[in-house]
All heavy atoms as atom14 arrays in JSON, in Angstrom:
{
  "sequence": "GSVQTGGSLRLSCAASGDTNNFSWGWFRQAPGKEREGVATLDSGGTIT",
  "atom14_mask": [
    [1, 1, 1, 1, 0, 0, 0, 0, 0, 0, 0, 0, 0, 0],
    [1, 1, 1, 1, 1, 1, 0, 0, 0, 0, 0, 0, 0, 0],
    [1, 1, 1, 1, 1, 1, 1, 0, 0, 0, 0, 0, 0, 0],
    [1, 1, 1, 1, 1, 1, 1, 1, 1, 0, 0, 0, 0, 0],
    [1, 1, 1, 1, 1, 1, 1, 0, 0, 0, 0, 0, 0, 0],
    [1, 1, 1, 1, 0, 0, 0, 0, 0, 0, 0, 0, 0, 0],
    [1, 1, 1, 1, 0, 0, 0, 0, 0, 0, 0, 0, 0, 0],
    [1, 1, 1, 1, 1, 1, 0, 0, 0, 0, 0, 0, 0, 0],
    [1, 1, 1, 1, 1, 1, 1, 1, 0, 0, 0, 0, 0, 0],
    [1, 1, 1, 1, 1, 1, 1, 1, 1, 1, 1, 0, 0, 0],
    [1, 1, 1, 1, 1, 1, 1, 1, 0, 0, 0, 0, 0, 0],
    [1, 1, 1, 1, 1, 1, 0, 0, 0, 0, 0, 0, 0, 0],
    [1, 1, 1, 1, 1, 1, 0, 0, 0, 0, 0, 0, 0, 0],
    [1, 1, 1, 1, 1, 0, 0, 0, 0, 0, 0, 0, 0, 0],
    [1, 1, 1, 1, 1, 0, 0, 0, 0, 0, 0, 0, 0, 0],
    [1, 1, 1, 1, 1, 1, 0, 0, 0, 0, 0, 0, 0, 0],
    [1, 1, 1, 1, 0, 0, 0, 0, 0, 0, 0, 0, 0, 0],
    [1, 1, 1, 1, 1, 1, 1, 1, 0, 0, 0, 0, 0, 0],
    [1, 1, 1, 1, 1, 1, 1, 0, 0, 0, 0, 0, 0, 0],
    [1, 1, 1, 1, 1, 1, 1, 1, 0, 0, 0, 0, 0, 0],
    [1, 1, 1, 1, 1, 1, 1, 1, 0, 0, 0, 0, 0, 0],
    [1, 1, 1, 1, 1, 1, 1, 1, 1, 1, 1, 0, 0, 0],
    [1, 1, 1, 1, 1, 1, 0, 0, 0, 0, 0, 0, 0, 0],
    [1, 1, 1, 1, 1, 1, 1, 1, 1, 1, 1, 1, 1, 1],
    [1, 1, 1, 1, 0, 0, 0, 0, 0, 0, 0, 0, 0, 0],
    [1, 1, 1, 1, 1, 1, 1, 1, 1, 1, 1, 1, 1, 1],
    [1, 1, 1, 1, 1, 1, 1, 1, 1, 1, 1, 0, 0, 0],
    [1, 1, 1, 1, 1, 1, 1, 1, 1, 1, 1, 0, 0, 0],
    [1, 1, 1, 1, 1, 1, 1, 1, 1, 0, 0, 0, 0, 0],
    [1, 1, 1, 1, 1, 0, 0, 0, 0, 0, 0, 0, 0, 0],
    [1, 1, 1, 1, 1, 1, 1, 0, 0, 0, 0, 0, 0, 0],
    [1, 1, 1, 1, 0, 0, 0, 0, 0, 0, 0, 0, 0, 0],
    [1, 1, 1, 1, 1, 1, 1, 1, 1, 0, 0, 0, 0, 0],
    [1, 1, 1, 1, 1, 1, 1, 1, 1, 0, 0, 0, 0, 0],
    [1, 1, 1, 1, 1, 1, 1, 1, 1, 1, 1, 0, 0, 0],
    [1, 1, 1, 1, 1, 1, 1, 1, 1, 0, 0, 0, 0, 0],
    [1, 1, 1, 1, 0, 0, 0, 0, 0, 0, 0, 0, 0, 0],
    [1, 1, 1, 1, 1, 1, 1, 0, 0, 0, 0, 0, 0, 0],
    [1, 1, 1, 1, 1, 0, 0, 0, 0, 0, 0, 0, 0, 0],
    [1, 1, 1, 1, 1, 1, 1, 0, 0, 0, 0, 0, 0, 0],
    [1, 1, 1, 1, 1, 1, 1, 1, 0, 0, 0, 0, 0, 0],
    [1, 1, 1, 1, 1, 1, 1, 1, 0, 0, 0, 0, 0, 0],
    [1, 1, 1, 1, 1, 1, 0, 0, 0, 0, 0, 0, 0, 0],
    [1, 1, 1, 1, 0, 0, 0, 0, 0, 0, 0, 0, 0, 0],
    [1, 1, 1, 1, 0, 0, 0, 0, 0, 0, 0, 0, 0, 0],
    [1, 1, 1, 1, 1, 1, 1, 0, 0, 0, 0, 0, 0, 0],
    [1, 1, 1, 1, 1, 1, 1, 1, 0, 0, 0, 0, 0, 0],
    [1, 1, 1, 1, 1, 1, 1, 0, 0, 0, 0, 0, 0, 0]
  ],
  "atom14_positions": [
    [[-51.94, 33.57, -2.31], [-53.11, 34.43, -2.36], [-53.16, 35.35, -1.17], [-52.2, 35.47, -0.41], [0.0, 0.0, 0.0], [0.0, 0.0, 0.0], [0.0, 0.0, 0.0], [0.0, 0.0, 0.0], [0.0, 0.0, 0.0], [0.0, 0.0, 0.0], [0.0, 0.0, 0.0], [0.0, 0.0, 0.0], [0.0, 0.0, 0.0], [0.0, 0.0, 0.0]],
    [[-54.3, 36.0, -1.01], [-54.53, 36.94, 0.09], [-55.58, 36.37, 1.03], [-56.65, 35.94, 0.6], [-55.0, 38.29, -0.45], [-54.01, 38.88, -1.28], [0.0, 0.0, 0.0], [0.0, 0.0, 0.0], [0.0, 0.0, 0.0], [0.0, 0.0, 0.0], [0.0, 0.0, 0.0], [0.0, 0.0, 0.0], [0.0, 0.0, 0.0], [0.0, 0.0, 0.0]],
    [[-55.26, 36.38, 2.32], [-56.17, 35.87, 3.34], [-56.14, 36.8, 4.55], [-55.24, 37.61, 4.72], [-55.82, 34.44, 3.79], [-55.94, 33.46, 2.63], [-54.42, 34.39, 4.39], [0.0, 0.0, 0.0], [0.0, 0.0, 0.0], [0.0, 0.0, 0.0], [0.0, 0.0, 0.0], [0.0, 0.0, 0.0], [0.0, 0.0, 0.0], [0.0, 0.0, 0.0]],
    [[-57.15, 36.65, 5.39], [-57.2, 37.37, 6.64], [-56.42, 36.61, 7.71], [-56.18, 35.41, 7.6], [-58.65, 37.56, 7.09], [-59.55, 38.19, 6.06], [-60.06, 39.54, 6.48], [-59.94, 39.94, 7.64], [-60.64, 40.27, 5.55], [0.0, 0.0, 0.0], [0.0, 0.0, 0.0], [0.0, 0.0, 0.0], [0.0, 0.0, 0.0], [0.0, 0.0, 0.0]],
    [[-56.02, 37.33, 8.74], [-55.36, 36.7, 9.87], [-56.19, 35.51, 10.37], [-57.4, 35.61, 10.54], [-55.15, 37.71, 11.0], [-54.29, 38.75, 10.56], [-54.55, 37.05, 12.23], [0.0, 0.0, 0.0], [0.0, 0.0, 0.0], [0.0, 0.0, 0.0], [0.0, 0.0, 0.0], [0.0, 0.0, 0.0], [0.0, 0.0, 0.0], [0.0, 0.0, 0.0]],
    [[-55.51, 34.38, 10.58], [-56.18, 33.16, 11.02], [-56.59, 32.24, 9.9], [-57.01, 31.11, 10.17], [0.0, 0.0, 0.0], [0.0, 0.0, 0.0], [0.0, 0.0, 0.0], [0.0, 0.0, 0.0], [0.0, 0.0, 0.0], [0.0, 0.0, 0.0], [0.0, 0.0, 0.0], [0.0, 0.0, 0.0], [0.0, 0.0, 0.0], [0.0, 0.0, 0.0]],
    [[-56.45, 32.68, 8.67], [-56.82, 31.87, 7.53], [-55.78, 30.84, 7.18], [-54.72, 30.74, 7.81], [0.0, 0.0, 0.0], [0.0, 0.0, 0.0], [0.0, 0.0, 0.0], [0.0, 0.0, 0.0], [0.0, 0.0, 0.0], [0.0, 0.0, 0.0], [0.0, 0.0, 0.0], [0.0, 0.0, 0.0], [0.0, 0.0, 0.0], [0.0, 0.0, 0.0]],
    [[-56.08, 30.06, 6.13], [-55.21, 28.97, 5.7], [-54.98, 29.02, 4.2], [-55.82, 29.49, 3.43], [-55.82, 27.61, 6.06], [-56.0, 27.47, 7.46], [0.0, 0.0, 0.0], [0.0, 0.0, 0.0], [0.0, 0.0, 0.0], [0.0, 0.0, 0.0], [0.0, 0.0, 0.0], [0.0, 0.0, 0.0], [0.0, 0.0, 0.0], [0.0, 0.0, 0.0]],
    [[-53.82, 28.5, 3.79], [-53.49, 28.33, 2.39], [-52.65, 27.07, 2.25], [-51.94, 26.69, 3.19], [-52.68, 29.51, 1.85], [-53.39, 30.84, 1.6], [-52.36, 31.91, 1.28], [-54.39, 30.71, 0.46], [0.0, 0.0, 0.0], [0.0, 0.0, 0.0], [0.0, 0.0, 0.0], [0.0, 0.0, 0.0], [0.0, 0.0, 0.0], [0.0, 0.0, 0.0]],
    [[-52.71, 26.44, 1.09], [-51.83, 25.33, 0.78], [-51.05, 25.65, -0.47], [-51.63, 25.84, -1.55], [-52.6, 24.01, 0.59], [-51.66, 22.81, 0.46], [-52.38, 21.5, 0.3], [-52.94, 21.34, -1.04], [-53.28, 20.17, -1.57], [-53.13, 19.05, -0.87], [-53.81, 20.13, -2.78], [0.0, 0.0, 0.0], [0.0, 0.0, 0.0], [0.0, 0.0, 0.0]],
    [[-49.74, 25.69, -0.34], [-48.87, 25.93, -1.47], [-48.43, 24.61, -2.08], [-48.22, 23.63, -1.37], [-47.63, 26.71, -1.05], [-47.85, 28.02, -0.29], [-46.52, 28.72, -0.04], [-48.81, 28.93, -1.06], [0.0, 0.0, 0.0], [0.0, 0.0, 0.0], [0.0, 0.0, 0.0], [0.0, 0.0, 0.0], [0.0, 0.0, 0.0], [0.0, 0.0, 0.0]],
    [[-48.29, 24.59, -3.4], [-47.84, 23.41, -4.12], [-46.59, 23.73, -4.92], [-46.44, 24.84, -5.43], [-48.93, 22.91, -5.08], [-50.1, 22.53, -4.38], [0.0, 0.0, 0.0], [0.0, 0.0, 0.0], [0.0, 0.0, 0.0], [0.0, 0.0, 0.0], [0.0, 0.0, 0.0], [0.0, 0.0, 0.0], [0.0, 0.0, 0.0], [0.0, 0.0, 0.0]],
    [[-45.72, 22.75, -5.03], [-44.51, 22.87, -5.83], [-44.4, 21.61, -6.67], [-43.99, 20.55, -6.18], [-43.3, 23.03, -4.92], [-41.7, 23.06, -5.76], [0.0, 0.0, 0.0], [0.0, 0.0, 0.0], [0.0, 0.0, 0.0], [0.0, 0.0, 0.0], [0.0, 0.0, 0.0], [0.0, 0.0, 0.0], [0.0, 0.0, 0.0], [0.0, 0.0, 0.0]],
    [[-44.79, 21.72, -7.93], [-44.78, 20.59, -8.84], [-43.44, 20.51, -9.56], [-43.01, 21.48, -10.18], [-45.91, 20.71, -9.85], [0.0, 0.0, 0.0], [0.0, 0.0, 0.0], [0.0, 0.0, 0.0], [0.0, 0.0, 0.0], [0.0, 0.0, 0.0], [0.0, 0.0, 0.0], [0.0, 0.0, 0.0], [0.0, 0.0, 0.0], [0.0, 0.0, 0.0]],
    [[-42.79, 19.36, -9.47], [-41.48, 19.17, -10.06], [-41.55, 18.31, -11.31], [-42.33, 17.35, -11.37], [-40.53, 18.54, -9.05], [0.0, 0.0, 0.0], [0.0, 0.0, 0.0], [0.0, 0.0, 0.0], [0.0, 0.0, 0.0], [0.0, 0.0, 0.0], [0.0, 0.0, 0.0], [0.0, 0.0, 0.0], [0.0, 0.0, 0.0], [0.0, 0.0, 0.0]],
    [[-40.75, 18.66, -12.28], [-40.55, 17.82, -13.46], [-39.07, 17.52, -13.58], [-38.22, 18.29, -13.12], [-41.08, 18.51, -14.72], [-40.4, 19.73, -14.96], [0.0, 0.0, 0.0], [0.0, 0.0, 0.0], [0.0, 0.0, 0.0], [0.0, 0.0, 0.0], [0.0, 0.0, 0.0], [0.0, 0.0, 0.0], [0.0, 0.0, 0.0], [0.0, 0.0, 0.0]],
    [[-38.76, 16.41, -14.21], [-37.37, 15.99, -14.31], [-37.0, 15.05, -13.19], [-37.8, 14.7, -12.33], [0.0, 0.0, 0.0], [0.0, 0.0, 0.0], [0.0, 0.0, 0.0], [0.0, 0.0, 0.0], [0.0, 0.0, 0.0], [0.0, 0.0, 0.0], [0.0, 0.0, 0.0], [0.0, 0.0, 0.0], [0.0, 0.0, 0.0], [0.0, 0.0, 0.0]],
    [[-35.76, 14.64, -13.2], [-35.25, 13.65, -12.24], [-34.86, 14.32, -10.93], [-33.87, 15.06, -10.88], [-34.06, 12.91, -12.85], [-33.53, 11.81, -11.95], [-34.18, 11.48, -10.94], [-32.44, 11.28, -12.26], [0.0, 0.0, 0.0], [0.0, 0.0, 0.0], [0.0, 0.0, 0.0], [0.0, 0.0, 0.0], [0.0, 0.0, 0.0], [0.0, 0.0, 0.0]],
    [[-35.62, 14.05, -9.88], [-35.31, 14.59, -8.56], [-34.95, 13.47, -7.57], [-35.07, 13.65, -6.36], [-36.49, 15.41, -8.02], [-37.65, 14.57, -7.91], [-36.8, 16.58, -8.93], [0.0, 0.0, 0.0], [0.0, 0.0, 0.0], [0.0, 0.0, 0.0], [0.0, 0.0, 0.0], [0.0, 0.0, 0.0], [0.0, 0.0, 0.0], [0.0, 0.0, 0.0]],
    [[-34.5, 12.36, -8.08], [-34.11, 11.23, -7.24], [-33.04, 11.65, -6.24], [-32.05, 12.29, -6.6], [-33.59, 10.1, -8.12], [-33.33, 8.83, -7.35], [-34.1, 8.46, -6.47], [-32.24, 8.16, -7.69], [0.0, 0.0, 0.0], [0.0, 0.0, 0.0], [0.0, 0.0, 0.0], [0.0, 0.0, 0.0], [0.0, 0.0, 0.0], [0.0, 0.0, 0.0]],
    [[-33.26, 11.32, -4.98], [-32.33, 11.6, -3.88], [-32.17, 13.1, -3.57], [-31.2, 13.49, -2.94], [-30.96, 10.98, -4.15], [-31.0, 9.48, -4.3], [-30.49, 8.92, -5.26], [-31.63, 8.82, -3.33], [0.0, 0.0, 0.0], [0.0, 0.0, 0.0], [0.0, 0.0, 0.0], [0.0, 0.0, 0.0], [0.0, 0.0, 0.0], [0.0, 0.0, 0.0]],
    [[-33.13, 13.91, -4.0], [-33.08, 15.35, -3.72], [-33.53, 15.66, -2.3], [-34.33, 14.93, -1.7], [-33.96, 16.11, -4.69], [-33.29, 16.5, -5.97], [-32.23, 15.79, -6.47], [-33.75, 17.6, -6.69], [-31.62, 16.15, -7.66], [-33.16, 17.97, -7.88], [-32.09, 17.24, -8.37], [0.0, 0.0, 0.0], [0.0, 0.0, 0.0], [0.0, 0.0, 0.0]],
    [[-33.04, 16.78, -1.79], [-33.58, 17.42, -0.6], [-34.4, 18.62, -1.03], [-34.16, 19.2, -2.09], [-32.45, 17.85, 0.34], [-31.79, 16.72, 0.88], [0.0, 0.0, 0.0], [0.0, 0.0, 0.0], [0.0, 0.0, 0.0], [0.0, 0.0, 0.0], [0.0, 0.0, 0.0], [0.0, 0.0, 0.0], [0.0, 0.0, 0.0], [0.0, 0.0, 0.0]],
    [[-35.36, 19.0, -0.18], [-36.34, 20.02, -0.55], [-36.48, 21.07, 0.55], [-36.25, 20.78, 1.73], [-37.72, 19.38, -0.77], [-37.73, 18.34, -1.82], [-37.31, 17.05, -1.71], [-38.22, 18.48, -3.16], [-37.48, 16.38, -2.89], [-38.05, 17.24, -3.8], [-38.78, 19.55, -3.87], [-38.42, 17.03, -5.13], [-39.16, 19.36, -5.18], [-38.98, 18.1, -5.79]],
    [[-36.88, 22.27, 0.14], [-37.1, 23.31, 1.13], [-38.12, 24.34, 0.67], [-38.34, 24.54, -0.53], [0.0, 0.0, 0.0], [0.0, 0.0, 0.0], [0.0, 0.0, 0.0], [0.0, 0.0, 0.0], [0.0, 0.0, 0.0], [0.0, 0.0, 0.0], [0.0, 0.0, 0.0], [0.0, 0.0, 0.0], [0.0, 0.0, 0.0], [0.0, 0.0, 0.0]],
    [[-38.77, 24.96, 1.65], [-39.6, 26.13, 1.43], [-38.92, 27.33, 2.08], [-38.49, 27.24, 3.24], [-41.0, 25.96, 2.04], [-41.91, 25.05, 1.28], [-42.21, 23.76, 1.57], [-42.66, 25.39, 0.1], [-43.1, 23.26, 0.65], [-43.39, 24.24, -0.26], [-42.77, 26.55, -0.68], [-44.23, 24.22, -1.38], [-43.61, 26.52, -1.78], [-44.32, 25.37, -2.12]],
    [[-38.83, 28.41, 1.34], [-38.22, 29.64, 1.81], [-39.18, 30.8, 1.58], [-40.08, 30.7, 0.76], [-36.9, 29.91, 1.07], [-35.84, 28.88, 1.32], [-35.84, 27.69, 0.61], [-34.85, 29.09, 2.26], [-34.87, 26.73, 0.83], [-33.87, 28.14, 2.49], [-33.89, 26.95, 1.77], [0.0, 0.0, 0.0], [0.0, 0.0, 0.0], [0.0, 0.0, 0.0]],
    [[-38.97, 31.9, 2.29], [-39.78, 33.08, 2.06], [-38.93, 34.32, 2.19], [-37.91, 34.34, 2.87], [-40.97, 33.13, 3.03], [-40.61, 33.33, 4.49], [-41.85, 33.2, 5.36], [-41.58, 33.46, 6.76], [-42.46, 33.27, 7.74], [-43.68, 32.82, 7.46], [-42.12, 33.54, 9.0], [0.0, 0.0, 0.0], [0.0, 0.0, 0.0], [0.0, 0.0, 0.0]],
    [[-39.38, 35.38, 1.51], [-38.66, 36.64, 1.55], [-39.65, 37.79, 1.52], [-40.45, 37.91, 0.59], [-37.69, 36.75, 0.38], [-36.77, 37.96, 0.46], [-35.64, 37.88, -0.53], [-35.71, 37.18, -1.53], [-34.56, 38.6, -0.24], [0.0, 0.0, 0.0], [0.0, 0.0, 0.0], [0.0, 0.0, 0.0], [0.0, 0.0, 0.0], [0.0, 0.0, 0.0]],
    [[-39.6, 38.63, 2.54], [-40.41, 39.83, 2.61], [-39.58, 41.01, 2.11], [-38.35, 40.98, 2.15], [-40.89, 40.07, 4.03], [0.0, 0.0, 0.0], [0.0, 0.0, 0.0], [0.0, 0.0, 0.0], [0.0, 0.0, 0.0], [0.0, 0.0, 0.0], [0.0, 0.0, 0.0], [0.0, 0.0, 0.0], [0.0, 0.0, 0.0], [0.0, 0.0, 0.0]],
    [[-40.23, 42.09, 1.64], [-39.49, 43.24, 1.15], [-38.5, 43.78, 2.19], [-38.85, 43.97, 3.35], [-40.59, 44.26, 0.85], [-41.78, 43.43, 0.54], [-41.69, 42.26, 1.49], [0.0, 0.0, 0.0], [0.0, 0.0, 0.0], [0.0, 0.0, 0.0], [0.0, 0.0, 0.0], [0.0, 0.0, 0.0], [0.0, 0.0, 0.0], [0.0, 0.0, 0.0]],
    [[-37.27, 44.01, 1.75], [-36.26, 44.55, 2.63], [-35.63, 43.56, 3.59], [-34.79, 43.96, 4.41], [0.0, 0.0, 0.0], [0.0, 0.0, 0.0], [0.0, 0.0, 0.0], [0.0, 0.0, 0.0], [0.0, 0.0, 0.0], [0.0, 0.0, 0.0], [0.0, 0.0, 0.0], [0.0, 0.0, 0.0], [0.0, 0.0, 0.0], [0.0, 0.0, 0.0]],
    [[-36.02, 42.3, 3.52], [-35.48, 41.29, 4.42], [-34.78, 40.19, 3.63], [-35.0, 40.01, 2.44], [-36.59, 40.69, 5.27], [-37.26, 41.68, 6.21], [-38.27, 40.99, 7.1], [-38.91, 41.97, 8.07], [-39.89, 41.3, 8.96], [0.0, 0.0, 0.0], [0.0, 0.0, 0.0], [0.0, 0.0, 0.0], [0.0, 0.0, 0.0], [0.0, 0.0, 0.0]],
    [[-33.92, 39.46, 4.32], [-33.22, 38.34, 3.7], [-34.16, 37.15, 3.55], [-35.13, 37.0, 4.29], [-32.01, 37.94, 4.54], [-30.91, 38.98, 4.58], [-29.67, 38.49, 5.29], [-29.74, 37.43, 5.95], [-28.63, 39.14, 5.18], [0.0, 0.0, 0.0], [0.0, 0.0, 0.0], [0.0, 0.0, 0.0], [0.0, 0.0, 0.0], [0.0, 0.0, 0.0]],
    [[-33.84, 36.31, 2.58], [-34.58, 35.09, 2.4], [-34.32, 34.17, 3.6], [-33.18, 34.0, 4.03], [-34.16, 34.41, 1.1], [-35.02, 33.23, 0.7], [-34.74, 32.83, -0.75], [-35.07, 33.92, -1.67], [-35.06, 33.79, -2.99], [-34.73, 32.63, -3.55], [-35.36, 34.83, -3.75], [0.0, 0.0, 0.0], [0.0, 0.0, 0.0], [0.0, 0.0, 0.0]],
    [[-35.39, 33.57, 4.12], [-35.27, 32.71, 5.28], [-35.91, 31.36, 5.03], [-36.9, 31.24, 4.31], [-35.9, 33.36, 6.52], [-37.39, 33.59, 6.41], [-38.01, 34.12, 7.68], [-37.36, 34.07, 8.74], [-39.16, 34.62, 7.61], [0.0, 0.0, 0.0], [0.0, 0.0, 0.0], [0.0, 0.0, 0.0], [0.0, 0.0, 0.0], [0.0, 0.0, 0.0]],
    [[-35.34, 30.34, 5.64], [-35.9, 29.01, 5.54], [-37.16, 28.87, 6.37], [-37.23, 29.36, 7.5], [0.0, 0.0, 0.0], [0.0, 0.0, 0.0], [0.0, 0.0, 0.0], [0.0, 0.0, 0.0], [0.0, 0.0, 0.0], [0.0, 0.0, 0.0], [0.0, 0.0, 0.0], [0.0, 0.0, 0.0], [0.0, 0.0, 0.0], [0.0, 0.0, 0.0]],
    [[-38.16, 28.21, 5.82], [-39.43, 27.98, 6.49], [-39.58, 26.53, 6.92], [-39.93, 26.24, 8.06], [-40.61, 28.39, 5.58], [-41.94, 28.05, 6.23], [-40.53, 29.87, 5.25], [0.0, 0.0, 0.0], [0.0, 0.0, 0.0], [0.0, 0.0, 0.0], [0.0, 0.0, 0.0], [0.0, 0.0, 0.0], [0.0, 0.0, 0.0], [0.0, 0.0, 0.0]],
    [[-39.31, 25.62, 6.0], [-39.43, 24.2, 6.27], [-38.55, 23.44, 5.3], [-38.35, 23.87, 4.16], [-40.88, 23.73, 6.14], [0.0, 0.0, 0.0], [0.0, 0.0, 0.0], [0.0, 0.0, 0.0], [0.0, 0.0, 0.0], [0.0, 0.0, 0.0], [0.0, 0.0, 0.0], [0.0, 0.0, 0.0], [0.0, 0.0, 0.0], [0.0, 0.0, 0.0]],
    [[-38.04, 22.3, 5.73], [-37.2, 21.47, 4.87], [-37.59, 20.0, 5.0], [-38.07, 19.56, 6.04], [-35.71, 21.61, 5.18], [-35.44, 21.18, 6.52], [-35.24, 23.04, 5.0], [0.0, 0.0, 0.0], [0.0, 0.0, 0.0], [0.0, 0.0, 0.0], [0.0, 0.0, 0.0], [0.0, 0.0, 0.0], [0.0, 0.0, 0.0], [0.0, 0.0, 0.0]],
    [[-37.35, 19.27, 3.93], [-37.52, 17.82, 3.88], [-36.28, 17.28, 3.2], [-36.08, 17.5, 2.01], [-38.78, 17.47, 3.1], [-38.98, 15.98, 2.74], [-39.16, 15.14, 3.99], [-40.18, 15.82, 1.81], [0.0, 0.0, 0.0], [0.0, 0.0, 0.0], [0.0, 0.0, 0.0], [0.0, 0.0, 0.0], [0.0, 0.0, 0.0], [0.0, 0.0, 0.0]],
    [[-35.42, 16.59, 3.93], [-34.2, 16.13, 3.32], [-34.38, 14.77, 2.65], [-35.44, 14.15, 2.73], [-33.01, 16.17, 4.3], [-33.08, 15.13, 5.41], [-33.74, 14.08, 5.26], [-32.43, 15.37, 6.45], [0.0, 0.0, 0.0], [0.0, 0.0, 0.0], [0.0, 0.0, 0.0], [0.0, 0.0, 0.0], [0.0, 0.0, 0.0], [0.0, 0.0, 0.0]],
    [[-33.33, 14.32, 1.98], [-33.43, 13.1, 1.19], [-33.67, 11.86, 2.04], [-34.11, 10.84, 1.51], [-32.17, 12.93, 0.34], [-31.01, 12.83, 1.15], [0.0, 0.0, 0.0], [0.0, 0.0, 0.0], [0.0, 0.0, 0.0], [0.0, 0.0, 0.0], [0.0, 0.0, 0.0], [0.0, 0.0, 0.0], [0.0, 0.0, 0.0], [0.0, 0.0, 0.0]],
    [[-33.39, 11.94, 3.34], [-33.67, 10.84, 4.24], [-35.04, 10.9, 4.87], [-35.4, 10.0, 5.64], [0.0, 0.0, 0.0], [0.0, 0.0, 0.0], [0.0, 0.0, 0.0], [0.0, 0.0, 0.0], [0.0, 0.0, 0.0], [0.0, 0.0, 0.0], [0.0, 0.0, 0.0], [0.0, 0.0, 0.0], [0.0, 0.0, 0.0], [0.0, 0.0, 0.0]],
    [[-35.82, 11.94, 4.56], [-37.17, 12.06, 5.07], [-37.31, 12.9, 6.33], [-38.41, 13.01, 6.87], [0.0, 0.0, 0.0], [0.0, 0.0, 0.0], [0.0, 0.0, 0.0], [0.0, 0.0, 0.0], [0.0, 0.0, 0.0], [0.0, 0.0, 0.0], [0.0, 0.0, 0.0], [0.0, 0.0, 0.0], [0.0, 0.0, 0.0], [0.0, 0.0, 0.0]],
    [[-36.22, 13.5, 6.8], [-36.28, 14.32, 8.01], [-36.83, 15.7, 7.69], [-36.39, 16.34, 6.74], [-34.89, 14.44, 8.64], [-34.42, 13.14, 9.0], [-34.94, 15.32, 9.88], [0.0, 0.0, 0.0], [0.0, 0.0, 0.0], [0.0, 0.0, 0.0], [0.0, 0.0, 0.0], [0.0, 0.0, 0.0], [0.0, 0.0, 0.0], [0.0, 0.0, 0.0]],
    [[-37.76, 16.17, 8.51], [-38.41, 17.46, 8.33], [-37.99, 18.42, 9.43], [-37.9, 18.03, 10.6], [-39.94, 17.3, 8.34], [-40.4, 16.47, 7.14], [-40.63, 18.66, 8.35], [-41.86, 16.06, 7.2], [0.0, 0.0, 0.0], [0.0, 0.0, 0.0], [0.0, 0.0, 0.0], [0.0, 0.0, 0.0], [0.0, 0.0, 0.0], [0.0, 0.0, 0.0]],
    [[-37.72, 19.66, 9.06], [-37.47, 20.71, 10.05], [-38.34, 21.92, 9.73], [-38.72, 22.14, 8.58], [-35.99, 21.15, 10.1], [-35.65, 21.93, 8.95], [-35.07, 19.94, 10.19], [0.0, 0.0, 0.0], [0.0, 0.0, 0.0], [0.0, 0.0, 0.0], [0.0, 0.0, 0.0], [0.0, 0.0, 0.0], [0.0, 0.0, 0.0], [0.0, 0.0, 0.0]]
  ]
}
């Protein structure tokens, strides 16, 4: 959505199907820029 500077949002990613032992990530891409990693959660539970 759209918010003012200093605001908050919570994004959700609902999965269906078998994701057993998967690793996960959030990425973002602005116009004219490359896609970049924002946060990751690997299959062992480590977050970056």
